[in-house]
C-alpha atoms as a PDB file:
ATOM      1  CA  MET A   1       0.493   0.539   0.091  1.00  0.00           C
ATOM      2  CA  ALA A   2       1.471   3.580  -1.078  1.00  0.00           C
ATOM      3  CA  LYS A   3       2.041   5.945   1.460  1.00  0.00           C
ATOM      4  CA  VAL A   4       0.065   9.254   1.529  1.00  0.00           C
ATOM      5  CA  MET A   5       2.631  11.967   0.994  1.00  0.00           C
ATOM      6  CA  ALA A   6       2.193  15.514   2.477  1.00  0.00           C
ATOM      7  CA  ILE A   7       1.100  17.854  -0.293  1.00  0.00           C
ATOM      8  CA  THR A   8       4.686  19.880   0.575  1.00  0.00           C
ATOM      9  CA  ASP A   9       6.826  16.809  -0.270  1.00  0.00           C
ATOM     10  CA  GLN A  10       5.250  16.624  -3.684  1.00  0.00           C
ATOM     11  CA  CYS A  11       7.021  17.154  -6.734  1.00  0.00           C
ATOM     12  CA  PRO A  12       5.415  20.668  -8.005  1.00  0.00           C
ATOM     13  CA  MET A  13       4.771  19.580 -11.345  1.00  0.00           C
ATOM     14  CA  GLU A  14       2.979  15.753  -9.780  1.00  0.00           C
ATOM     15  CA  ILE A  15       1.105  18.531  -7.594  1.00  0.00           C
ATOM     16  CA  GLY A  16      -0.555  20.114 -10.260  1.00  0.00           C
ATOM     17  CA  LEU A  17      -1.352  17.201 -12.586  1.00  0.00           C
ATOM     18  CA  ASN A  18      -2.964  16.102 -10.186  1.00  0.00           C
ATOM     19  CA  LEU A  19      -5.329  18.950  -9.918  1.00  0.00           C
ATOM     20  CA  LEU A  20      -6.291  19.438 -13.943  1.00  0.00           C
ATOM     21  CA  SER A  21      -5.989  15.271 -14.158  1.00  0.00           C
ATOM     22  CA  GLY A  22      -9.980  15.060 -14.257  1.00  0.00           C
ATOM     23  CA  LYS A  23     -10.677  14.693 -17.748  1.00  0.00           C
ATOM     24  CA  TRP A  24     -13.011  17.432 -17.175  1.00  0.00           C
ATOM     25  CA  THR A  25     -11.208  19.829 -15.007  1.00  0.00           C
ATOM     26  CA  LEU A  26     -10.188  22.233 -17.584  1.00  0.00           C
ATOM     27  CA  ARG A  27     -12.948  22.882 -19.339  1.00  0.00           C
ATOM     28  CA  ILE A  28     -14.862  23.795 -16.401  1.00  0.00           C
ATOM     29  CA  LEU A  29     -12.148  26.072 -15.352  1.00  0.00           C
ATOM     30  CA  TRP A  30     -12.085  27.209 -18.470  1.00  0.00           C
ATOM     31  CA  HIS A  31     -15.167  28.141 -18.834  1.00  0.00           C
ATOM     32  CA  LEU A  32     -15.589  29.741 -15.295  1.00  0.00           C
ATOM     33  CA  SER A  33     -12.267  31.827 -16.241  1.00  0.00           C
ATOM     34  CA  LYS A  34     -14.934  34.489 -17.924  1.00  0.00           C
ATOM     35  CA  GLY A  35     -16.538  34.557 -15.398  1.00  0.00           C
ATOM     36  CA  PRO A  36     -19.377  33.111 -12.441  1.00  0.00           C
ATOM     37  CA  VAL A  37     -22.263  29.852 -14.684  1.00  0.00           C
ATOM     38  CA  ARG A  38     -24.658  28.563 -12.937  1.00  0.00           C
ATOM     39  CA  PHE A  39     -24.625  24.547 -12.968  1.00  0.00           C
ATOM     40  CA  ASN A  40     -27.136  24.184 -15.805  1.00  0.00           C
ATOM     41  CA  GLU A  41     -25.388  26.382 -18.306  1.00  0.00           C
ATOM     42  CA  LEU A  42     -22.020  25.191 -17.507  1.00  0.00           C
ATOM     43  CA  GLN A  43     -23.223  21.735 -18.053  1.00  0.00           C
ATOM     44  CA  ARG A  44     -24.600  23.394 -22.088  1.00  0.00           C
ATOM     45  CA  LEU A  45     -21.616  24.466 -22.716  1.00  0.00           C
ATOM     46  CA  LEU A  46     -19.352  21.019 -21.809  1.00  0.00           C
ATOM     47  CA  GLY A  47     -21.818  19.146 -23.836  1.00  0.00           C
ATOM     48  CA  SER A  48     -21.879  15.290 -23.074  1.00  0.00           C
ATOM     49  CA  VAL A  49     -20.440  15.411 -19.557  1.00  0.00           C
ATOM     50  CA  THR A  50     -22.772  14.053 -16.803  1.00  0.00           C
ATOM     51  CA  THR A  51     -24.924  15.733 -14.199  1.00  0.00           C
ATOM     52  CA  LYS A  52     -22.811  13.258 -11.108  1.00  0.00           C
ATOM     53  CA  THR A  53     -19.850  13.666 -13.491  1.00  0.00           C
ATOM     54  CA  LEU A  54     -20.072  17.434 -13.355  1.00  0.00           C
ATOM     55  CA  THR A  55     -21.579  17.773  -9.795  1.00  0.00           C
ATOM     56  CA  GLN A  56     -18.444  15.777  -8.497  1.00  0.00           C
ATOM     57  CA  GLN A  57     -15.402  17.714 -10.738  1.00  0.00           C
ATOM     58  CA  LEU A  58     -16.988  21.165  -8.633  1.00  0.00           C
ATOM     59  CA  ARG A  59     -17.535  19.442  -5.594  1.00  0.00           C
ATOM     60  CA  GLU A  60     -14.120  18.257  -5.417  1.00  0.00           C
ATOM     61  CA  LEU A  61     -12.516  21.909  -6.821  1.00  0.00           C
ATOM     62  CA  GLU A  62     -14.437  23.077  -4.300  1.00  0.00           C
ATOM     63  CA  GLN A  63     -13.060  20.966  -2.347  1.00  0.00           C
ATOM     64  CA  GLN A  64      -9.253  21.634  -3.438  1.00  0.00           C
ATOM     65  CA  GLY A  65     -10.008  25.186  -2.923  1.00  0.00           C
ATOM     66  CA  ILE A  66      -9.727  26.606  -6.824  1.00  0.00           C
ATOM     67  CA  VAL A  67     -13.604  26.578  -6.997  1.00  0.00           C
ATOM     68  CA  LYS A  68     -17.191  28.459  -5.119  1.00  0.00           C
ATOM     69  CA  ARG A  69     -19.673  28.207  -5.412  1.00  0.00           C
ATOM     70  CA  THR A  70     -22.220  31.021  -4.355  1.00  0.00           C
ATOM     71  CA  VAL A  71     -26.214  29.737  -2.755  1.00  0.00           C
ATOM     72  CA  TYR A  72     -28.544  32.746  -3.418  1.00  0.00           C
ATOM     73  CA  ALA A  73     -31.439  32.492  -1.034  1.00  0.00           C
ATOM     74  CA  GLU A  74     -33.975  33.308  -3.922  1.00  0.00           C
ATOM     75  CA  PRO A  75     -37.371  31.819  -4.068  1.00  0.00           C
ATOM     76  CA  VAL A  76     -36.018  29.893  -7.194  1.00  0.00           C
ATOM     77  CA  LEU A  77     -33.024  28.652  -5.872  1.00  0.00           C
ATOM     78  CA  LYS A  78     -30.029  30.504  -7.951  1.00  0.00           C
ATOM     79  CA  VAL A  79     -26.508  28.652  -7.383  1.00  0.00           C
ATOM     80  CA  GLU A  80     -23.076  29.947  -8.749  1.00  0.00           C
ATOM     81  CA  TYR A  81     -19.894  28.494  -9.179  1.00  0.00           C
ATOM     82  CA  SER A  82     -16.773  30.873 -10.390  1.00  0.00           C
ATOM     83  CA  LEU A  83     -13.375  31.101  -9.691  1.00  0.00           C
ATOM     84  CA  THR A  84     -11.725  31.639  -5.898  1.00  0.00           C
ATOM     85  CA  GLU A  85      -8.887  34.082  -5.620  1.00  0.00           C
ATOM     86  CA  LEU A  86      -6.541  31.124  -5.794  1.00  0.00           C
ATOM     87  CA  GLY A  87      -8.684  29.929  -8.841  1.00  0.00           C
ATOM     88  CA  THR A  88      -8.219  33.186 -10.411  1.00  0.00           C
ATOM     89  CA  THR A  89      -4.203  32.417 -10.720  1.00  0.00           C
ATOM     90  CA  ILE A  90      -4.804  29.711 -12.977  1.00  0.00           C
ATOM     91  CA  GLN A  91      -5.457  32.051 -15.873  1.00  0.00           C
ATOM     92  CA  PRO A  92      -2.374  32.641 -16.952  1.00  0.00           C
ATOM     93  CA  VAL A  93      -1.639  29.040 -18.137  1.00  0.00           C
ATOM     94  CA  LEU A  94      -5.223  27.865 -19.538  1.00  0.00           C
ATOM     95  CA  LYS A  95      -4.522  30.978 -21.560  1.00  0.00           C
ATOM     96  CA  SER A  96      -0.846  29.851 -22.047  1.00  0.00           C
ATOM     97  CA  LEU A  97      -2.392  26.365 -23.626  1.00  0.00           C
ATOM     98  CA  CYS A  98      -5.438  28.058 -25.973  1.00  0.00           C
ATOM     99  CA  THR A  99      -2.608  29.844 -27.451  1.00  0.00           C
ATOM    100  CA  TRP A 100      -0.268  26.826 -28.131  1.00  0.00           C
ATOM    101  CA  GLY A 101      -3.657  25.329 -28.947  1.00  0.00           C
ATOM    102  CA  ASN A 102      -4.334  27.126 -31.761  1.00  0.00           C
ATOM    103  CA  GLU A 103      -0.470  27.165 -32.901  1.00  0.00           C
ATOM    104  CA  TYR A 104      -0.788  23.597 -32.851  1.00  0.00           C
ATOM    105  CA  GLN A 105      -4.098  23.621 -34.688  1.00  0.00           C
ATOM    106  CA  LYS A 106      -2.986  26.018 -37.811  1.00  0.00           C
ATOM    107  CA  ALA A 107       0.193  24.182 -37.972  1.00  0.00           C
ATOM    108  CA  VAL A 108      -1.529  20.676 -38.440  1.00  0.00           C
ATOM    109  CA  SER A 109      -3.589  22.074 -41.018  1.00  0.00           C
ATOM    110  CA  ILE A 110      -0.341  23.004 -43.076  1.00  0.00           C
ATOM    111  CA  VAL A 111       1.291  19.727 -43.044  1.00  0.00           C
END
């Protein structure tokens, strides 16, 4: 059985990869980087993600301190998800990944 390492004992690259390794994680963060999004809207933006999977991913990101869930006490319950202050620090990485994706797409279409 593997030992659980304290986060301070892990390689920073491994920490980042573990946090972002979920199938939907980067897509969720990309949409939230543009501003707060309601659950159903986020599910529509992502396409084929199931309600269960999206809920699990959002809860995990919330536990990690990257996403915050805001509940508005209105006659019709309203819940929005957004990036925390810590979560916004991933925005330059997401932008760089998008830029790289655009460059890769152009390079591959030329070949």
